[in-house]
Protein backbone atom coordinates (compact mmCIF):
# COMPACT_ATOMS: atom_id res chain seq x y z
CA UNK A 1 -10.82 34.23 8.44
CA UNK A 2 -8.83 33.20 11.50
CA UNK A 3 -6.54 30.80 9.61
CA UNK A 4 -4.30 31.88 6.77
CA UNK A 5 -4.00 29.66 3.72
CA UNK A 6 -0.58 28.37 2.68
CA UNK A 7 -0.34 30.98 -0.09
CA UNK A 8 -1.38 33.82 2.23
CA UNK A 9 1.09 32.66 4.84
CA UNK A 10 3.95 32.65 2.34
CA UNK A 11 3.06 36.09 1.02
CA UNK A 12 2.87 37.40 4.57
CA UNK A 13 6.30 36.00 5.39
CA UNK A 14 4.91 33.45 7.86
CA UNK A 15 6.07 29.84 7.59
CA UNK A 16 3.29 27.24 7.98
CA UNK A 17 3.63 25.26 11.18
CA UNK A 18 4.48 21.56 10.85
CA UNK A 19 2.41 19.41 13.18
CA UNK A 20 4.66 16.59 14.43
CA UNK A 21 2.10 14.92 16.67
CA UNK A 22 0.73 12.46 14.01
CA UNK A 23 4.28 11.35 13.22
CA UNK A 24 5.02 10.75 16.89
CA UNK A 25 2.05 8.39 17.08
CA UNK A 26 3.29 6.21 14.21
CA UNK A 27 6.95 6.38 15.28
CA UNK A 28 6.82 3.26 17.51
CA UNK A 29 5.27 1.17 14.72
CA UNK A 30 7.83 2.44 12.20
CA UNK A 31 10.68 1.73 14.63
CA UNK A 32 9.48 -1.82 15.23
CA UNK A 33 9.13 -2.42 11.48
CA UNK A 34 12.62 -1.08 10.75
CA UNK A 35 14.30 -3.02 13.55
CA UNK A 36 12.55 -6.38 13.15
CA UNK A 37 11.61 -6.42 9.44
CA UNK A 38 13.63 -4.05 7.32
CA UNK A 39 16.77 -4.36 9.44
CA UNK A 40 17.22 -8.14 9.00
CA UNK A 41 16.54 -7.83 5.26
CA UNK A 42 19.27 -5.23 4.84
CA UNK A 43 21.63 -7.18 7.11
CA UNK A 44 21.05 -10.33 5.06
CA UNK A 45 21.90 -8.45 1.86
CA UNK A 46 25.11 -7.12 3.41
CA UNK A 47 26.14 -10.54 4.75
CA UNK A 48 25.83 -12.02 1.26
CA UNK A 49 29.04 -10.19 0.31
CA UNK A 50 31.04 -11.55 3.26
CA UNK A 51 32.38 -14.94 4.28
CA UNK A 52 31.19 -15.47 7.86
CA UNK A 53 30.59 -18.65 9.85
CA UNK A 54 28.37 -17.15 12.58
CA UNK A 55 31.09 -17.73 15.19
CA UNK A 56 34.07 -15.64 14.11
CA UNK A 57 34.15 -12.01 15.31
CA UNK A 58 35.25 -10.83 11.87
CA UNK A 59 34.06 -11.44 8.32
CA UNK A 60 35.98 -11.48 5.04
CA UNK A 61 34.67 -9.49 2.11
CA UNK A 62 34.29 -11.75 -0.93
CA UNK A 63 32.35 -9.57 -3.37
CA UNK A 64 30.05 -11.48 -5.71
CA UNK A 65 31.68 -14.88 -5.17
CA UNK A 66 28.73 -16.23 -3.17
CA UNK A 67 26.30 -15.28 -5.91
CA UNK A 68 28.57 -16.91 -8.48
CA UNK A 69 28.66 -20.08 -6.40
CA UNK A 70 24.90 -20.48 -5.93
CA UNK A 71 24.11 -19.58 -9.54
CA UNK A 72 26.41 -22.44 -10.58
CA UNK A 73 25.09 -24.85 -7.97
CA UNK A 74 22.77 -27.52 -9.39
CA UNK A 75 21.10 -27.98 -6.02
CA UNK A 76 20.08 -24.32 -5.97
CA UNK A 77 18.42 -24.60 -9.37
CA UNK A 78 16.82 -27.88 -8.33
CA UNK A 79 15.32 -26.19 -5.26
CA UNK A 80 14.22 -23.16 -7.27
CA UNK A 81 12.54 -25.42 -9.83
CA UNK A 82 10.55 -27.07 -7.03
CA UNK A 83 9.51 -23.63 -5.80
CA UNK A 84 8.20 -22.83 -9.28
CA UNK A 85 6.25 -26.10 -9.36
CA UNK A 86 4.80 -25.21 -5.97
CA UNK A 87 4.01 -21.73 -7.25
CA UNK A 88 2.22 -23.00 -10.34
CA UNK A 89 0.06 -25.32 -8.26
CA UNK A 90 -0.54 -22.79 -5.47
CA UNK A 91 -1.96 -20.06 -7.71
CA UNK A 92 -4.49 -22.51 -9.15
CA UNK A 93 -5.62 -25.23 -6.74
CA UNK A 94 -6.02 -23.46 -3.35
CA UNK A 95 -7.33 -20.33 -5.07
CA UNK A 96 -10.05 -22.14 -7.02
CA UNK A 97 -10.97 -24.35 -4.09
CA UNK A 98 -11.33 -21.24 -1.97
CA UNK A 99 -13.44 -19.51 -4.63
CA UNK A 100 -15.81 -22.43 -5.13
CA UNK A 101 -16.27 -22.93 -1.40
CA UNK A 102 -16.87 -19.20 -0.95
CA UNK A 103 -19.56 -19.25 -3.65
CA UNK A 104 -21.09 -22.36 -2.07
CA UNK A 105 -21.29 -20.69 1.36
CA UNK A 106 -22.62 -17.49 -0.22
CA UNK A 107 -25.37 -19.35 -2.06
CA UNK A 108 -26.71 -21.49 0.78
CA UNK A 109 -29.42 -20.11 3.05
CA UNK A 110 -28.75 -22.08 6.22
CA UNK A 111 -25.58 -23.17 7.96
CA UNK A 112 -23.35 -20.40 6.63
CA UNK A 113 -21.65 -19.81 9.97
CA UNK A 114 -21.04 -23.53 10.53
CA UNK A 115 -19.57 -24.19 7.09
CA UNK A 116 -17.48 -21.03 7.18
CA UNK A 117 -15.98 -21.97 10.53
CA UNK A 118 -15.50 -25.64 9.66
CA UNK A 119 -13.81 -24.96 6.32
CA UNK A 120 -11.60 -22.22 7.73
CA UNK A 121 -10.50 -24.43 10.65
CA UNK A 122 -7.30 -25.78 8.99
CA UNK A 123 -6.05 -22.24 8.44
CA UNK A 124 -5.92 -21.46 12.16
CA UNK A 125 -3.36 -24.17 12.90
CA UNK A 126 0.34 -23.48 12.67
CA UNK A 127 2.42 -25.00 9.92
CA UNK A 128 4.11 -27.32 12.41
CA UNK A 129 0.80 -28.79 13.57
CA UNK A 130 -0.41 -29.23 9.99
CA UNK A 131 2.84 -30.92 8.96
CA UNK A 132 2.71 -33.42 11.81
CA UNK A 133 -0.97 -34.19 11.10
CA UNK A 134 -0.21 -34.97 7.47
CA UNK A 135 2.93 -36.86 8.40
CA UNK A 136 0.70 -39.17 10.42
CA UNK A 137 -1.84 -39.38 7.58
CA UNK A 138 0.88 -40.33 5.09
CA UNK A 139 2.61 -42.84 7.37
CA UNK A 140 2.86 -46.11 5.38
CA UNK A 141 1.98 -48.32 8.37
CA UNK A 142 0.36 -46.26 11.14
CA UNK A 143 -1.30 -43.67 8.90
CA UNK A 144 -4.87 -43.53 7.69
CA UNK A 145 -4.51 -42.81 3.96
CA UNK A 146 -3.25 -46.20 2.78
CA UNK A 147 -5.73 -48.22 4.92
CA UNK A 148 -8.55 -45.95 3.68
CA UNK A 149 -7.59 -46.63 0.07
CA UNK A 150 -7.54 -50.37 0.72
CA UNK A 151 -10.91 -50.16 2.46
CA UNK A 152 -12.59 -48.63 -0.61
CA UNK A 153 -10.95 -51.05 -3.02
CA UNK A 154 -8.15 -48.78 -4.20
CA UNK A 155 -5.31 -50.73 -2.66
CA UNK A 156 -3.33 -50.49 -5.89
CA UNK A 157 -2.80 -46.77 -5.18
CA UNK A 158 -1.20 -47.28 -1.75
CA UNK A 159 2.41 -46.22 -1.63
CA UNK A 160 5.07 -44.42 0.35
CA UNK A 161 3.73 -40.91 -0.12
CA UNK A 162 6.73 -39.16 1.40
CA UNK A 163 9.37 -41.74 0.54
CA UNK A 164 8.90 -41.85 -3.22
CA UNK A 165 11.01 -39.20 -4.94
CA UNK A 166 8.48 -38.95 -7.79
CA UNK A 167 5.54 -37.83 -5.63
CA UNK A 168 7.06 -36.48 -2.42
CA UNK A 169 6.84 -32.85 -3.55
CA UNK A 170 3.21 -33.21 -4.59
CA UNK A 171 2.35 -34.94 -1.33
CA UNK A 172 3.70 -31.96 0.58
CA UNK A 173 1.71 -29.64 -1.65
CA UNK A 174 -1.54 -31.37 -0.66
CA UNK A 175 -0.78 -30.52 2.96
CA UNK A 176 0.01 -26.93 1.95
CA UNK A 177 -3.21 -26.61 -0.07
CA UNK A 178 -5.27 -28.02 2.81
CA UNK A 179 -3.79 -25.40 5.13
CA UNK A 180 -4.20 -22.40 2.82
CA UNK A 181 -7.47 -22.72 0.90
CA UNK A 182 -9.34 -21.35 3.95
CA UNK A 183 -7.60 -17.97 3.64
CA UNK A 184 -8.59 -17.70 0.01
CA UNK A 185 -12.16 -18.71 0.88
CA UNK A 186 -12.55 -16.02 3.53
CA UNK A 187 -11.10 -13.31 1.27
CA UNK A 188 -13.41 -14.32 -1.58
CA UNK A 189 -16.36 -14.34 0.82
CA UNK A 190 -15.54 -10.76 1.78
CA UNK A 191 -15.42 -9.82 -1.90
CA UNK A 192 -18.74 -11.51 -2.60
CA UNK A 193 -20.41 -9.26 -0.04
CA UNK A 194 -19.63 -6.27 -2.28
CA UNK A 195 -21.42 -7.72 -5.32
CA UNK A 196 -24.94 -6.20 -5.56
CA UNK A 197 -27.42 -8.93 -4.76
CA UNK A 198 -29.90 -7.63 -7.34
CA UNK A 199 -27.46 -8.55 -10.14
CA UNK A 200 -27.22 -12.16 -8.99
CA UNK A 201 -30.93 -12.33 -8.32
CA UNK A 202 -31.68 -10.99 -11.80
CA UNK A 203 -29.39 -13.61 -13.33
CA UNK A 204 -31.12 -16.31 -11.32
CA UNK A 205 -34.54 -15.10 -12.50
CA UNK A 206 -33.32 -15.08 -16.10
CA UNK A 207 -32.44 -18.75 -15.75
CA UNK A 208 -28.64 -18.47 -15.53
CA UNK A 209 -27.03 -21.67 -14.30
CA UNK A 210 -24.13 -21.88 -11.82
CA UNK A 211 -21.42 -21.82 -14.48
CA UNK A 212 -22.88 -18.73 -16.16
CA UNK A 213 -23.20 -16.87 -12.86
CA UNK A 214 -19.67 -17.86 -11.87
CA UNK A 215 -17.86 -16.86 -15.06
CA UNK A 216 -20.02 -13.92 -16.20
CA UNK A 217 -20.88 -12.21 -12.92
CA UNK A 218 -18.92 -13.43 -9.91
CA UNK A 219 -15.39 -13.77 -11.30
CA UNK A 220 -15.42 -10.45 -13.23
CA UNK A 221 -16.73 -8.73 -10.08
CA UNK A 222 -13.87 -10.20 -8.02
CA UNK A 223 -11.10 -8.97 -10.31
CA UNK A 224 -9.16 -7.06 -7.61
CA UNK A 225 -9.78 -9.80 -5.04
CA UNK A 226 -8.26 -12.36 -7.41
CA UNK A 227 -5.19 -10.16 -7.79
CA UNK A 228 -4.73 -9.96 -4.02
CA UNK A 229 -5.28 -13.68 -3.42
CA UNK A 230 -2.90 -14.79 -6.18
CA UNK A 231 -0.24 -12.33 -5.00
CA UNK A 232 -0.57 -13.75 -1.50
CA UNK A 233 -0.13 -17.27 -2.85
CA UNK A 234 3.00 -16.18 -4.75
CA UNK A 235 4.63 -15.03 -1.53
CA UNK A 236 3.68 -18.13 0.45
CA UNK A 237 4.62 -20.61 -2.29
CA UNK A 238 8.04 -19.07 -2.88
CA UNK A 239 8.67 -18.92 0.87
CA UNK A 240 7.41 -22.41 1.78
CA UNK A 241 9.50 -24.03 4.51
CA UNK A 242 7.85 -25.48 7.62
CA UNK A 243 5.53 -28.03 6.01
CA UNK A 244 8.21 -29.46 3.69
CA UNK A 245 10.93 -29.36 6.34
CA UNK A 246 8.89 -31.48 8.78
CA UNK A 247 7.37 -33.82 6.18
CA UNK A 248 10.43 -34.63 4.08
CA UNK A 249 13.30 -32.33 5.04
CA UNK A 250 13.79 -31.75 1.32
CA UNK A 251 14.18 -35.45 0.52
CA UNK A 252 14.26 -38.07 -0.59
CA UNK A 253 17.35 -37.32 -2.66
CA UNK A 254 16.48 -33.59 -2.75
CA UNK A 255 13.27 -34.38 -4.65
CA UNK A 256 11.24 -31.97 -2.50
CA UNK A 257 14.00 -29.46 -1.78
CA UNK A 258 13.02 -25.77 -1.93
CA UNK A 259 14.99 -22.55 -1.59
CA UNK A 260 14.27 -21.97 2.10
CA UNK A 261 15.42 -25.48 3.00
CA UNK A 262 18.49 -24.94 0.80
CA UNK A 263 19.18 -21.76 2.81
CA UNK A 264 18.59 -23.57 6.10
CA UNK A 265 21.06 -26.27 5.09
CA UNK A 266 23.68 -23.62 4.28
CA UNK A 267 23.18 -22.01 7.67
CA UNK A 268 23.60 -25.42 9.29
CA UNK A 269 26.96 -25.67 7.52
CA UNK A 270 27.90 -22.23 8.96
CA UNK A 271 27.99 -20.69 5.47
CA UNK A 272 26.12 -17.45 6.09
CA UNK A 273 27.40 -15.86 2.89
CA UNK A 274 25.99 -18.57 0.63
CA UNK A 275 22.77 -18.74 2.63
CA UNK A 276 22.09 -15.00 2.50
CA UNK A 277 23.02 -14.82 -1.18
CA UNK A 278 20.49 -17.57 -1.98
CA UNK A 279 17.85 -15.83 0.16
CA UNK A 280 18.53 -12.53 -1.61
CA UNK A 281 18.17 -14.09 -5.05
CA UNK A 282 14.91 -15.71 -3.99
CA UNK A 283 13.61 -12.40 -2.63
CA UNK A 284 14.44 -10.65 -5.91
CA UNK A 285 12.63 -13.37 -7.85
CA UNK A 286 9.55 -13.05 -5.62
CA UNK A 287 9.47 -9.28 -6.03
CA UNK A 288 9.84 -9.56 -9.82
CA UNK A 289 7.11 -12.21 -10.14
CA UNK A 290 4.63 -10.43 -7.88
CA UNK A 291 5.31 -7.00 -9.40
CA UNK A 292 5.04 -8.39 -12.92
CA UNK A 293 1.78 -10.12 -12.09
CA UNK A 294 0.26 -6.98 -10.55
CA UNK A 295 1.36 -4.84 -13.52
CA UNK A 296 -0.10 -7.40 -15.93
CA UNK A 297 -3.40 -7.35 -14.07
CA UNK A 298 -3.44 -3.56 -14.17
CA UNK A 299 -2.74 -3.62 -17.89
CA UNK A 300 -5.54 -6.13 -18.46
CA UNK A 301 -7.87 -3.94 -16.42
CA UNK A 302 -7.05 -0.83 -18.47
CA UNK A 303 -7.19 -2.65 -21.82
CA UNK A 304 -10.59 -4.14 -21.07
């Protein structure tokens, strides 16, 4: 043999050579990730222990005072509660809409490309574009939603969709769901391609209806895909900002306020310490929720 194994090399007193070339290839990507992703996260955590107004050349160390402040701030808990409402809706409505549309596209014989492109279209627009589109739709006078309701005889349901503190948060969620169900649909479509067609065909021959195929074949086969899609929705729901900021700005009367808008408001008041402390707490919550969900899914998979 021309090459010595690791054991032979050690016994012969020869140290195995470390090939650095693969690491050099990934070094630029790692450097970019550290500088532009990991670096700001660590800097934000450090800033949460200092009082800094973004303008002064020096910062004053304050310890845990910023965390004490936000954890005793009613507006922080109000914003966090709205994030949890958003989270609860996001892991159900856009996910199930995406699943049902994916199954619909998978089942049809003609027009798959058209329906896939048309239904995914909202997902390609930026959050700013989507927010302004829905702001026009919701406009009480120049919008299209209230006139459409009056046209079909549902004029009693017309209202100020973004100006009513009871429904403003849910109105913003509709815009969020419209923008995100396409991602779930595409991911579920990719998962459906891995299901053996003979299983579905056999169920169809045996007379299984849509509900039986969905709950007994399709959903169990998409177990890992569901985990990924729901985890993705957790991150986006807990980090929602652009759509709500443009539609309501967190109002009226903080009825649609969320953590990222709370942080933005703190930064606008030149309170970087409070802002970064709130962002850090939110990040810890997101990590705990997503990790707990993944571990629960793994436990369910092993127990079944």
